[in-house]
Amino acid sequence: VGYVNPASLILARVCDKNPKAVLNRDWLRERISQALSLR
């Protein structure tokens, strides 16, 4: 699952390999929390 921009050379960016993933606040919180933990 990702997002698109038909006007861009990079047409789409994959955000999650899980085809059932929902790119919402909960998804963002998990990813940003993982990033914060690394730092």
Full PDB file with SEQRES, HELIX, SHEET, SSBOND, CRYST1, ORIGX, SCALE, CONECT and MASTER records, all heavy atoms in Angstrom:
SEQRES   1 A   39  VAL GLY TYR VAL ASN PRO ALA SER LEU ILE LEU ALA ARG          
SEQRES   2 A   39  VAL CYS ASP LYS ASN PRO LYS ALA VAL LEU ASN ARG ASP          
SEQRES   3 A   39  TRP LEU ARG GLU ARG ILE SER GLN ALA LEU SER LEU ARG          
HELIX    1 AA1 ARG A   25  LEU A   38  1                                  14    
SHEET    1 AA1 2 GLY A   2  VAL A   4  0                                        
SHEET    2 AA1 2 ALA A  12  VAL A  14 -1                                        
CRYST1    1.000    1.000    1.000  90.00  90.00  90.00 P 1           1          
ORIGX1      1.000000  0.000000  0.000000        0.00000                         
ORIGX2      0.000000  1.000000  0.000000        0.00000                         
ORIGX3      0.000000  0.000000  1.000000        0.00000                         
SCALE1      1.000000  0.000000  0.000000        0.00000                         
SCALE2      0.000000  1.000000  0.000000        0.00000                         
SCALE3      0.000000  0.000000  1.000000        0.00000                         
ATOM      1  N   VAL A   1       0.852  -1.189   0.000  1.00  0.00           N  
ATOM      2  CA  VAL A   1       0.000   0.000   0.000  1.00  0.00           C  
ATOM      3  C   VAL A   1       0.887   1.238   0.000  1.00  0.00           C  
ATOM      4  O   VAL A   1       1.911   1.288   0.699  1.00  0.00           O  
ATOM      5  CB  VAL A   1      -0.917   0.004   1.243  1.00  0.00           C  
ATOM      6  CG1 VAL A   1      -1.722   1.299   1.314  1.00  0.00           C  
ATOM      7  CG2 VAL A   1      -1.843  -1.201   1.215  1.00  0.00           C  
ATOM      8  N   GLY A   2       0.515   2.206  -0.790  1.00  0.00           N  
ATOM      9  CA  GLY A   2       1.285   3.448  -0.832  1.00  0.00           C  
ATOM     10  C   GLY A   2       0.417   4.595  -1.294  1.00  0.00           C  
ATOM     11  O   GLY A   2      -0.808   4.550  -1.177  1.00  0.00           O  
ATOM     12  N   TYR A   3       1.063   5.628  -1.820  1.00  0.00           N  
ATOM     13  CA  TYR A   3       0.311   6.757  -2.357  1.00  0.00           C  
ATOM     14  C   TYR A   3       0.920   7.165  -3.696  1.00  0.00           C  
ATOM     15  O   TYR A   3       2.072   6.847  -3.998  1.00  0.00           O  
ATOM     16  CB  TYR A   3       0.252   7.929  -1.375  1.00  0.00           C  
ATOM     17  CG  TYR A   3       1.583   8.426  -0.877  1.00  0.00           C  
ATOM     18  CD1 TYR A   3       2.413   9.196  -1.688  1.00  0.00           C  
ATOM     19  CD2 TYR A   3       2.007   8.168   0.422  1.00  0.00           C  
ATOM     20  CE1 TYR A   3       3.633   9.672  -1.243  1.00  0.00           C  
ATOM     21  CE2 TYR A   3       3.221   8.641   0.898  1.00  0.00           C  
ATOM     22  CZ  TYR A   3       4.029   9.389   0.059  1.00  0.00           C  
ATOM     23  OH  TYR A   3       5.244   9.861   0.508  1.00  0.00           O  
ATOM     24  N   VAL A   4       0.125   7.841  -4.504  1.00  0.00           N  
ATOM     25  CA  VAL A   4       0.541   8.192  -5.861  1.00  0.00           C  
ATOM     26  C   VAL A   4       0.578   9.696  -6.058  1.00  0.00           C  
ATOM     27  O   VAL A   4      -0.038  10.460  -5.310  1.00  0.00           O  
ATOM     28  CB  VAL A   4      -0.404   7.577  -6.926  1.00  0.00           C  
ATOM     29  CG1 VAL A   4      -0.409   6.072  -6.854  1.00  0.00           C  
ATOM     30  CG2 VAL A   4      -1.813   8.142  -6.795  1.00  0.00           C  
ATOM     31  N   ASN A   5       1.309  10.071  -7.109  1.00  0.00           N  
ATOM     32  CA  ASN A   5       1.250  11.433  -7.631  1.00  0.00           C  
ATOM     33  C   ASN A   5       1.460  11.336  -9.133  1.00  0.00           C  
ATOM     34  O   ASN A   5       2.584  11.174  -9.605  1.00  0.00           O  
ATOM     35  CB  ASN A   5       2.311  12.330  -7.007  1.00  0.00           C  
ATOM     36  CG  ASN A   5       2.125  13.782  -7.411  1.00  0.00           C  
ATOM     37  OD1 ASN A   5       1.451  14.088  -8.384  1.00  0.00           O  
ATOM     38  ND2 ASN A   5       2.730  14.688  -6.659  1.00  0.00           N  
ATOM     39  N   PRO A   6       0.376  11.374  -9.919  1.00  0.00           N  
ATOM     40  CA  PRO A   6       0.483  11.182 -11.372  1.00  0.00           C  
ATOM     41  C   PRO A   6       1.313  12.250 -12.071  1.00  0.00           C  
ATOM     42  O   PRO A   6       1.724  12.052 -13.214  1.00  0.00           O  
ATOM     43  CB  PRO A   6      -0.972  11.206 -11.844  1.00  0.00           C  
ATOM     44  CG  PRO A   6      -1.734  11.892 -10.762  1.00  0.00           C  
ATOM     45  CD  PRO A   6      -1.017  11.577  -9.481  1.00  0.00           C  
ATOM     46  N   ALA A   7       1.603  13.368 -11.385  1.00  0.00           N  
ATOM     47  CA  ALA A   7       2.393  14.440 -11.995  1.00  0.00           C  
ATOM     48  C   ALA A   7       3.878  14.301 -11.719  1.00  0.00           C  
ATOM     49  O   ALA A   7       4.680  15.107 -12.201  1.00  0.00           O  
ATOM     50  CB  ALA A   7       1.894  15.792 -11.503  1.00  0.00           C  
ATOM     51  N   SER A   8       4.268  13.285 -10.947  1.00  0.00           N  
ATOM     52  CA  SER A   8       5.653  13.149 -10.520  1.00  0.00           C  
ATOM     53  C   SER A   8       6.342  11.993 -11.237  1.00  0.00           C  
ATOM     54  O   SER A   8       5.722  10.983 -11.579  1.00  0.00           O  
ATOM     55  CB  SER A   8       5.710  12.919  -9.009  1.00  0.00           C  
ATOM     56  OG  SER A   8       7.037  12.617  -8.589  1.00  0.00           O  
ATOM     57  N   LEU A   9       7.662  12.144 -11.465  1.00  0.00           N  
ATOM     58  CA  LEU A   9       8.445  11.050 -12.042  1.00  0.00           C  
ATOM     59  C   LEU A   9       8.390   9.826 -11.134  1.00  0.00           C  
ATOM     60  O   LEU A   9       8.289   8.690 -11.608  1.00  0.00           O  
ATOM     61  CB  LEU A   9       9.895  11.483 -12.252  1.00  0.00           C  
ATOM     62  CG  LEU A   9      10.861  10.412 -12.766  1.00  0.00           C  
ATOM     63  CD1 LEU A   9      10.452   9.915 -14.145  1.00  0.00           C  
ATOM     64  CD2 LEU A   9      12.291  10.945 -12.790  1.00  0.00           C  
ATOM     65  N   ILE A  10       8.475  10.061  -9.813  1.00  0.00           N  
ATOM     66  CA  ILE A  10       8.250   8.974  -8.854  1.00  0.00           C  
ATOM     67  C   ILE A  10       6.738   8.895  -8.681  1.00  0.00           C  
ATOM     68  O   ILE A  10       6.143   9.648  -7.920  1.00  0.00           O  
ATOM     69  CB  ILE A  10       8.960   9.234  -7.516  1.00  0.00           C  
ATOM     70  CG1 ILE A  10      10.455   9.436  -7.734  1.00  0.00           C  
ATOM     71  CG2 ILE A  10       8.725   8.058  -6.554  1.00  0.00           C  
ATOM     72  CD1 ILE A  10      11.216   9.812  -6.467  1.00  0.00           C  
ATOM     73  N   LEU A  11       6.141   7.976  -9.407  1.00  0.00           N  
ATOM     74  CA  LEU A  11       4.684   7.907  -9.471  1.00  0.00           C  
ATOM     75  C   LEU A  11       4.064   7.485  -8.150  1.00  0.00           C  
ATOM     76  O   LEU A  11       3.029   8.019  -7.732  1.00  0.00           O  
ATOM     77  CB  LEU A  11       4.273   6.925 -10.577  1.00  0.00           C  
ATOM     78  CG  LEU A  11       2.792   6.585 -10.683  1.00  0.00           C  
ATOM     79  CD1 LEU A  11       1.975   7.824 -11.033  1.00  0.00           C  
ATOM     80  CD2 LEU A  11       2.573   5.482 -11.725  1.00  0.00           C  
ATOM     81  N   ALA A  12       4.687   6.512  -7.489  1.00  0.00           N  
ATOM     82  CA  ALA A  12       4.120   6.004  -6.236  1.00  0.00           C  
ATOM     83  C   ALA A  12       5.232   5.666  -5.271  1.00  0.00           C  
ATOM     84  O   ALA A  12       6.363   5.358  -5.670  1.00  0.00           O  
ATOM     85  CB  ALA A  12       3.263   4.777  -6.496  1.00  0.00           C  
ATOM     86  N   ARG A  13       4.902   5.722  -3.992  1.00  0.00           N  
ATOM     87  CA  ARG A  13       5.836   5.338  -2.926  1.00  0.00           C  
ATOM     88  C   ARG A  13       5.139   4.311  -2.046  1.00  0.00           C  
ATOM     89  O   ARG A  13       4.043   4.564  -1.538  1.00  0.00           O  
ATOM     90  CB  ARG A  13       6.261   6.573  -2.124  1.00  0.00           C  
ATOM     91  CG  ARG A  13       6.987   7.587  -3.006  1.00  0.00           C  
ATOM     92  CD  ARG A  13       7.304   8.874  -2.262  1.00  0.00           C  
ATOM     93  NE  ARG A  13       7.614   9.939  -3.202  1.00  0.00           N  
ATOM     94  CZ  ARG A  13       8.823  10.486  -3.365  1.00  0.00           C  
ATOM     95  NH1 ARG A  13       9.837  10.050  -2.632  1.00  0.00           N  
ATOM     96  NH2 ARG A  13       9.023  11.451  -4.244  1.00  0.00           N  
ATOM     97  N   VAL A  14       5.807   3.176  -1.873  1.00  0.00           N  
ATOM     98  CA  VAL A  14       5.257   2.107  -1.052  1.00  0.00           C  
ATOM     99  C   VAL A  14       5.478   2.462   0.421  1.00  0.00           C  
ATOM    100  O   VAL A  14       6.602   2.731   0.847  1.00  0.00           O  
ATOM    101  CB  VAL A  14       5.938   0.761  -1.361  1.00  0.00           C  
ATOM    102  CG1 VAL A  14       5.346  -0.347  -0.498  1.00  0.00           C  
ATOM    103  CG2 VAL A  14       5.788   0.417  -2.838  1.00  0.00           C  
ATOM    104  N   CYS A  15       4.414   2.460   1.180  1.00  0.00           N  
ATOM    105  CA  CYS A  15       4.509   2.774   2.610  1.00  0.00           C  
ATOM    106  C   CYS A  15       4.483   1.524   3.476  1.00  0.00           C  
ATOM    107  O   CYS A  15       5.059   1.495   4.558  1.00  0.00           O  
ATOM    108  CB  CYS A  15       3.375   3.705   3.022  1.00  0.00           C  
ATOM    109  SG  CYS A  15       3.476   5.340   2.261  1.00  0.00           S  
ATOM    110  N   ASP A  16       3.804   0.495   3.003  1.00  0.00           N  
ATOM    111  CA  ASP A  16       3.690  -0.736   3.786  1.00  0.00           C  
ATOM    112  C   ASP A  16       3.542  -1.915   2.840  1.00  0.00           C  
ATOM    113  O   ASP A  16       2.732  -1.886   1.915  1.00  0.00           O  
ATOM    114  CB  ASP A  16       2.473  -0.663   4.722  1.00  0.00           C  
ATOM    115  CG  ASP A  16       2.587  -1.605   5.909  1.00  0.00           C  
ATOM    116  OD1 ASP A  16       2.771  -2.816   5.674  1.00  0.00           O  
ATOM    117  OD2 ASP A  16       2.489  -1.138   7.054  1.00  0.00           O  
ATOM    118  N   LYS A  17       4.339  -2.968   3.074  1.00  0.00           N  
ATOM    119  CA  LYS A  17       4.280  -4.167   2.228  1.00  0.00           C  
ATOM    120  C   LYS A  17       2.998  -4.968   2.460  1.00  0.00           C  
ATOM    121  O   LYS A  17       2.608  -5.785   1.632  1.00  0.00           O  
ATOM    122  CB  LYS A  17       5.497  -5.054   2.504  1.00  0.00           C  
ATOM    123  CG  LYS A  17       6.826  -4.425   2.125  1.00  0.00           C  
ATOM    124  CD  LYS A  17       6.954  -4.259   0.628  1.00  0.00           C  
ATOM    125  CE  LYS A  17       8.336  -3.744   0.249  1.00  0.00           C  
ATOM    126  NZ  LYS A  17       8.493  -3.578  -1.201  1.00  0.00           N  
ATOM    127  N   ASN A  18       2.365  -4.749   3.590  1.00  0.00           N  
ATOM    128  CA  ASN A  18       1.125  -5.457   3.910  1.00  0.00           C  
ATOM    129  C   ASN A  18      -0.025  -4.873   3.075  1.00  0.00           C  
ATOM    130  O   ASN A  18      -0.384  -3.707   3.247  1.00  0.00           O  
ATOM    131  CB  ASN A  18       0.818  -5.329   5.394  1.00  0.00           C  
ATOM    132  CG  ASN A  18      -0.448  -6.052   5.807  1.00  0.00           C  
ATOM    133  OD1 ASN A  18      -1.146  -6.656   4.984  1.00  0.00           O  
ATOM    134  ND2 ASN A  18      -0.773  -5.987   7.082  1.00  0.00           N  
ATOM    135  N   PRO A  19      -0.601  -5.661   2.174  1.00  0.00           N  
ATOM    136  CA  PRO A  19      -1.667  -5.113   1.320  1.00  0.00           C  
ATOM    137  C   PRO A  19      -2.923  -4.729   2.089  1.00  0.00           C  
ATOM    138  O   PRO A  19      -3.786  -4.033   1.550  1.00  0.00           O  
ATOM    139  CB  PRO A  19      -1.955  -6.262   0.346  1.00  0.00           C  
ATOM    140  CG  PRO A  19      -1.504  -7.497   1.063  1.00  0.00           C  
ATOM    141  CD  PRO A  19      -0.331  -7.074   1.890  1.00  0.00           C  
ATOM    142  N   LYS A  20      -3.019  -5.148   3.354  1.00  0.00           N  
ATOM    143  CA  LYS A  20      -4.178  -4.804   4.172  1.00  0.00           C  
ATOM    144  C   LYS A  20      -3.906  -3.608   5.089  1.00  0.00           C  
ATOM    145  O   LYS A  20      -4.766  -3.223   5.879  1.00  0.00           O  
ATOM    146  CB  LYS A  20      -4.615  -6.012   5.004  1.00  0.00           C  
ATOM    147  CG  LYS A  20      -5.089  -7.194   4.160  1.00  0.00           C  
ATOM    148  CD  LYS A  20      -5.553  -8.346   5.040  1.00  0.00           C  
ATOM    149  CE  LYS A  20      -6.037  -9.526   4.191  1.00  0.00           C  
ATOM    150  NZ  LYS A  20      -6.480 -10.660   5.037  1.00  0.00           N  
ATOM    151  N   ALA A  21      -2.727  -3.052   4.993  1.00  0.00           N  
ATOM    152  CA  ALA A  21      -2.379  -1.918   5.857  1.00  0.00           C  
ATOM    153  C   ALA A  21      -3.267  -0.716   5.554  1.00  0.00           C  
ATOM    154  O   ALA A  21      -3.671  -0.481   4.416  1.00  0.00           O  
ATOM    155  CB  ALA A  21      -0.917  -1.541   5.659  1.00  0.00           C  
ATOM    156  N   VAL A  22      -3.566   0.023   6.600  1.00  0.00           N  
ATOM    157  CA  VAL A  22      -4.348   1.257   6.463  1.00  0.00           C  
ATOM    158  C   VAL A  22      -3.454   2.416   6.885  1.00  0.00           C  
ATOM    159  O   VAL A  22      -2.998   2.473   8.036  1.00  0.00           O  
ATOM    160  CB  VAL A  22      -5.623   1.204   7.337  1.00  0.00           C  
ATOM    161  CG1 VAL A  22      -6.405   2.506   7.171  1.00  0.00           C  
ATOM    162  CG2 VAL A  22      -6.475   0.006   6.967  1.00  0.00           C  
ATOM    163  N   LEU A  23      -3.196   3.327   5.976  1.00  0.00           N  
ATOM    164  CA  LEU A  23      -2.287   4.436   6.253  1.00  0.00           C  
ATOM    165  C   LEU A  23      -3.046   5.549   6.966  1.00  0.00           C  
ATOM    166  O   LEU A  23      -3.450   6.543   6.369  1.00  0.00           O  
ATOM    167  CB  LEU A  23      -1.668   4.934   4.947  1.00  0.00           C  
ATOM    168  CG  LEU A  23      -0.988   3.875   4.070  1.00  0.00           C  
ATOM    169  CD1 LEU A  23      -0.349   4.530   2.858  1.00  0.00           C  
ATOM    170  CD2 LEU A  23       0.022   3.072   4.867  1.00  0.00           C  
ATOM    171  N   ASN A  24      -3.200   5.371   8.271  1.00  0.00           N  
ATOM    172  CA  ASN A  24      -3.940   6.338   9.069  1.00  0.00           C  
ATOM    173  C   ASN A  24      -3.097   6.765  10.268  1.00  0.00           C  
ATOM    174  O   ASN A  24      -1.891   6.517  10.323  1.00  0.00           O  
ATOM    175  CB  ASN A  24      -5.280   5.737   9.519  1.00  0.00           C  
ATOM    176  CG  ASN A  24      -5.088   4.430  10.293  1.00  0.00           C  
ATOM    177  OD1 ASN A  24      -3.993   4.100  10.743  1.00  0.00           O  
ATOM    178  ND2 ASN A  24      -6.167   3.672  10.440  1.00  0.00           N  
ATOM    179  N   ARG A  25      -3.738   7.398  11.236  1.00  0.00           N  
ATOM    180  CA  ARG A  25      -3.024   7.906  12.398  1.00  0.00           C  
ATOM    181  C   ARG A  25      -2.336   6.778  13.167  1.00  0.00           C  
ATOM    182  O   ARG A  25      -1.191   6.934  13.622  1.00  0.00           O  
ATOM    183  CB  ARG A  25      -3.993   8.665  13.319  1.00  0.00           C  
ATOM    184  CG  ARG A  25      -3.300   9.345  14.480  1.00  0.00           C  
ATOM    185  CD  ARG A  25      -4.302   9.889  15.495  1.00  0.00           C  
ATOM    186  NE  ARG A  25      -3.621  10.619  16.544  1.00  0.00           N  
ATOM    187  CZ  ARG A  25      -2.940  10.064  17.537  1.00  0.00           C  
ATOM    188  NH1 ARG A  25      -2.826   8.742  17.612  1.00  0.00           N  
ATOM    189  NH2 ARG A  25      -2.349  10.819  18.457  1.00  0.00           N  
ATOM    190  N   ASP A  26      -3.020   5.659  13.350  1.00  0.00           N  
ATOM    191  CA  ASP A  26      -2.418   4.544  14.095  1.00  0.00           C  
ATOM    192  C   ASP A  26      -1.174   4.014  13.387  1.00  0.00           C  
ATOM    193  O   ASP A  26      -0.173   3.669  14.030  1.00  0.00           O  
ATOM    194  CB  ASP A  26      -3.438   3.415  14.274  1.00  0.00           C  
ATOM    195  CG  ASP A  26      -4.554   3.782  15.235  1.00  0.00           C  
ATOM    196  OD1 ASP A  26      -4.351   4.706  16.056  1.00  0.00           O  
ATOM    197  OD2 ASP A  26      -5.625   3.154  15.171  1.00  0.00           O  
ATOM    198  N   TRP A  27      -1.249   3.935  12.062  1.00  0.00           N  
ATOM    199  CA  TRP A  27      -0.090   3.479  11.288  1.00  0.00           C  
ATOM    200  C   TRP A  27       1.073   4.456  11.457  1.00  0.00           C  
ATOM    201  O   TRP A  27       2.219   4.034  11.680  1.00  0.00           O  
ATOM    202  CB  TRP A  27      -0.483   3.369   9.816  1.00  0.00           C  
ATOM    203  CG  TRP A  27       0.648   2.936   8.933  1.00  0.00           C  
ATOM    204  CD1 TRP A  27       1.047   1.660   8.670  1.00  0.00           C  
ATOM    205  CD2 TRP A  27       1.519   3.797   8.185  1.00  0.00           C  
ATOM    206  NE1 TRP A  27       2.132   1.674   7.809  1.00  0.00           N  
ATOM    207  CE2 TRP A  27       2.431   2.970   7.500  1.00  0.00           C  
ATOM    208  CE3 TRP A  27       1.617   5.180   8.038  1.00  0.00           C  
ATOM    209  CZ2 TRP A  27       3.435   3.483   6.674  1.00  0.00           C  
ATOM    210  CZ3 TRP A  27       2.608   5.690   7.222  1.00  0.00           C  
ATOM    211  CH2 TRP A  27       3.506   4.850   6.549  1.00  0.00           C  
ATOM    212  N   LEU A  28       0.790   5.743  11.355  1.00  0.00           N  
ATOM    213  CA  LEU A  28       1.831   6.753  11.540  1.00  0.00           C  
ATOM    214  C   LEU A  28       2.443   6.674  12.936  1.00  0.00           C  
ATOM    215  O   LEU A  28       3.664   6.773  13.097  1.00  0.00           O  
ATOM    216  CB  LEU A  28       1.252   8.154  11.319  1.00  0.00           C  
ATOM    217  CG  LEU A  28       1.079   8.617   9.875  1.00  0.00           C  
ATOM    218  CD1 LEU A  28       0.217   9.872   9.840  1.00  0.00           C  
ATOM    219  CD2 LEU A  28       2.430   8.874   9.219  1.00  0.00           C  
ATOM    220  N   ARG A  29       1.592   6.481  13.932  1.00  0.00           N  
ATOM    221  CA  ARG A  29       2.101   6.433  15.299  1.00  0.00           C  
ATOM    222  C   ARG A  29       3.072   5.277  15.488  1.00  0.00           C  
ATOM    223  O   ARG A  29       4.109   5.423  16.123  1.00  0.00           O  
ATOM    224  CB  ARG A  29       0.939   6.307  16.304  1.00  0.00           C  
ATOM    225  CG  ARG A  29       1.394   6.482  17.746  1.00  0.00           C  
ATOM    226  CD  ARG A  29       0.283   6.227  18.755  1.00  0.00           C  
ATOM    227  NE  ARG A  29       0.683   6.631  20.086  1.00  0.00           N  
ATOM    228  CZ  ARG A  29       1.540   5.958  20.851  1.00  0.00           C  
ATOM    229  NH1 ARG A  29       2.088   4.829  20.398  1.00  0.00           N  
ATOM    230  NH2 ARG A  29       1.871   6.404  22.045  1.00  0.00           N  
ATOM    231  N   GLU A  30       2.754   4.130  14.919  1.00  0.00           N  
ATOM    232  CA  GLU A  30       3.647   2.974  15.046  1.00  0.00           C  
ATOM    233  C   GLU A  30       4.993   3.246  14.383  1.00  0.00           C  
ATOM    234  O   GLU A  30       6.059   2.987  14.970  1.00  0.00           O  
ATOM    235  CB  GLU A  30       2.997   1.735  14.422  1.00  0.00           C  
ATOM    236  CG  GLU A  30       3.887   0.495  14.516  1.00  0.00           C  
ATOM    237  CD  GLU A  30       3.300  -0.693  13.787  1.00  0.00           C  
ATOM    238  OE1 GLU A  30       2.333  -0.522  13.017  1.00  0.00           O  
ATOM    239  OE2 GLU A  30       3.827  -1.813  13.961  1.00  0.00           O  
ATOM    240  N   ARG A  31       4.955   3.780  13.172  1.00  0.00           N  
ATOM    241  CA  ARG A  31       6.199   4.023  12.437  1.00  0.00           C  
ATOM    242  C   ARG A  31       7.049   5.116  13.100  1.00  0.00           C  
ATOM    243  O   ARG A  31       8.269   4.993  13.228  1.00  0.00           O  
ATOM    244  CB  ARG A  31       5.886   4.409  10.988  1.00  0.00           C  
ATOM    245  CG  ARG A  31       5.376   3.251  10.143  1.00  0.00           C  
ATOM    246  CD  ARG A  31       6.496   2.244   9.856  1.00  0.00           C  
ATOM    247  NE  ARG A  31       5.987   1.043   9.241  1.00  0.00           N  
ATOM    248  CZ  ARG A  31       5.857   0.853   7.932  1.00  0.00           C  
ATOM    249  NH1 ARG A  31       6.196   1.822   7.091  1.00  0.00           N  
ATOM    250  NH2 ARG A  31       5.404  -0.289   7.464  1.00  0.00           N  
ATOM    251  N   ILE A  32       6.410   6.210  13.498  1.00  0.00           N  
ATOM    252  CA  ILE A  32       7.160   7.307  14.114  1.00  0.00           C  
ATOM    253  C   ILE A  32       7.696   6.879  15.475  1.00  0.00           C  
ATOM    254  O   ILE A  32       8.810   7.254  15.875  1.00  0.00           O  
ATOM    255  CB  ILE A  32       6.294   8.580  14.205  1.00  0.00           C  
ATOM    256  CG1 ILE A  32       5.942   9.076  12.791  1.00  0.00           C  
ATOM    257  CG2 ILE A  32       7.015   9.674  14.977  1.00  0.00           C  
ATOM    258  CD1 ILE A  32       5.000  10.259  12.753  1.00  0.00           C  
ATOM    259  N   SER A  33       6.947   6.066  16.191  1.00  0.00           N  
ATOM    260  CA  SER A  33       7.426   5.534  17.476  1.00  0.00           C  
ATOM    261  C   SER A  33       8.676   4.684  17.273  1.00  0.00           C  
ATOM    262  O   SER A  33       9.626   4.748  18.065  1.00  0.00           O  
ATOM    263  CB  SER A  33       6.338   4.702  18.156  1.00  0.00           C  
ATOM    264  OG  SER A  33       5.240   5.505  18.521  1.00  0.00           O  
ATOM    265  N   GLN A  34       8.687   3.874  16.223  1.00  0.00           N  
ATOM    266  CA  GLN A  34       9.867   3.057  15.928  1.00  0.00           C  
ATOM    267  C   GLN A  34      11.071   3.940  15.610  1.00  0.00           C  
ATOM    268  O   GLN A  34      12.196   3.661  16.040  1.00  0.00           O  
ATOM    269  CB  GLN A  34       9.567   2.117  14.752  1.00  0.00           C  
ATOM    270  CG  GLN A  34       8.585   1.016  15.084  1.00  0.00           C  
ATOM    271  CD  GLN A  34       8.147   0.236  13.850  1.00  0.00           C  
ATOM    272  OE1 GLN A  34       8.475   0.598  12.721  1.00  0.00           O  
ATOM    273  NE2 GLN A  34       7.395  -0.834  14.067  1.00  0.00           N  
ATOM    274  N   ALA A  35      10.833   4.998  14.858  1.00  0.00           N  
ATOM    275  CA  ALA A  35      11.917   5.925  14.529  1.00  0.00           C  
ATOM    276  C   ALA A  35      12.454   6.605  15.785  1.00  0.00           C  
ATOM    277  O   ALA A  35      13.675   6.722  15.976  1.00  0.00           O  
ATOM    278  CB  ALA A  35      11.411   6.975  13.530  1.00  0.00           C  
ATOM    279  N   LEU A  36      11.559   7.044  16.645  1.00  0.00           N  
ATOM    280  CA  LEU A  36      11.965   7.694  17.888  1.00  0.00           C  
ATOM    281  C   LEU A  36      12.764   6.739  18.770  1.00  0.00           C  
ATOM    282  O   LEU A  36      13.783   7.122  19.369  1.00  0.00           O  
ATOM    283  CB  LEU A  36      10.731   8.199  18.631  1.00  0.00           C  
ATOM    284  CG  LEU A  36      10.966   8.847  20.000  1.00  0.00           C  
ATOM    285  CD1 LEU A  36      11.875  10.058  19.879  1.00  0.00           C  
ATOM    286  CD2 LEU A  36       9.630   9.234  20.631  1.00  0.00           C  
ATOM    287  N   SER A  37      12.339   5.491  18.856  1.00  0.00           N  
ATOM    288  CA  SER A  37      13.038   4.495  19.669  1.00  0.00           C  
ATOM    289  C   SER A  37      14.478   4.309  19.210  1.00  0.00           C  
ATOM    290  O   SER A  37      15.392   4.177  20.032  1.00  0.00           O  
ATOM    291  CB  SER A  37      12.283   3.164  19.609  1.00  0.00           C  
ATOM    292  OG  SER A  37      13.001   2.141  20.279  1.00  0.00           O  
ATOM    293  N   LEU A  38      14.701   4.312  17.894  1.00  0.00           N  
ATOM    294  CA  LEU A  38      16.060   4.175  17.376  1.00  0.00           C  
ATOM    295  C   LEU A  38      16.938   5.329  17.846  1.00  0.00           C  
ATOM    296  O   LEU A  38      18.072   5.126  18.301  1.00  0.00           O  
ATOM    297  CB  LEU A  38      16.029   4.129  15.848  1.00  0.00           C  
ATOM    298  CG  LEU A  38      17.393   4.107  15.156  1.00  0.00           C  
ATOM    299  CD1 LEU A  38      18.142   2.813  15.460  1.00  0.00           C  
ATOM    300  CD2 LEU A  38      17.247   4.295  13.650  1.00  0.00           C  
ATOM    301  N   ARG A  39      16.419   6.542  17.756  1.00  0.00           N  
ATOM    302  CA  ARG A  39      17.218   7.712  18.172  1.00  0.00           C  
ATOM    303  C   ARG A  39      17.519   7.680  19.663  1.00  0.00           C  
ATOM    304  O   ARG A  39      18.625   7.999  20.093  1.00  0.00           O  
ATOM    305  CB  ARG A  39      16.480   9.001  17.827  1.00  0.00           C  
ATOM    306  CG  ARG A  39      16.660   9.441  16.373  1.00  0.00           C  
ATOM    307  CD  ARG A  39      16.077   8.463  15.408  1.00  0.00           C  
ATOM    308  NE  ARG A  39      16.191   8.904  14.018  1.00  0.00           N  
ATOM    309  CZ  ARG A  39      15.699   8.230  13.011  1.00  0.00           C  
ATOM    310  NH1 ARG A  39      15.026   7.092  13.217  1.00  0.00           N  
ATOM    311  NH2 ARG A  39      15.858   8.640  11.777  1.00  0.00           N  
TER     312      ARG A  39                                                      
MASTER        0    0    0    1    2    0    0    6  311    1    0    3          
END                                                                             
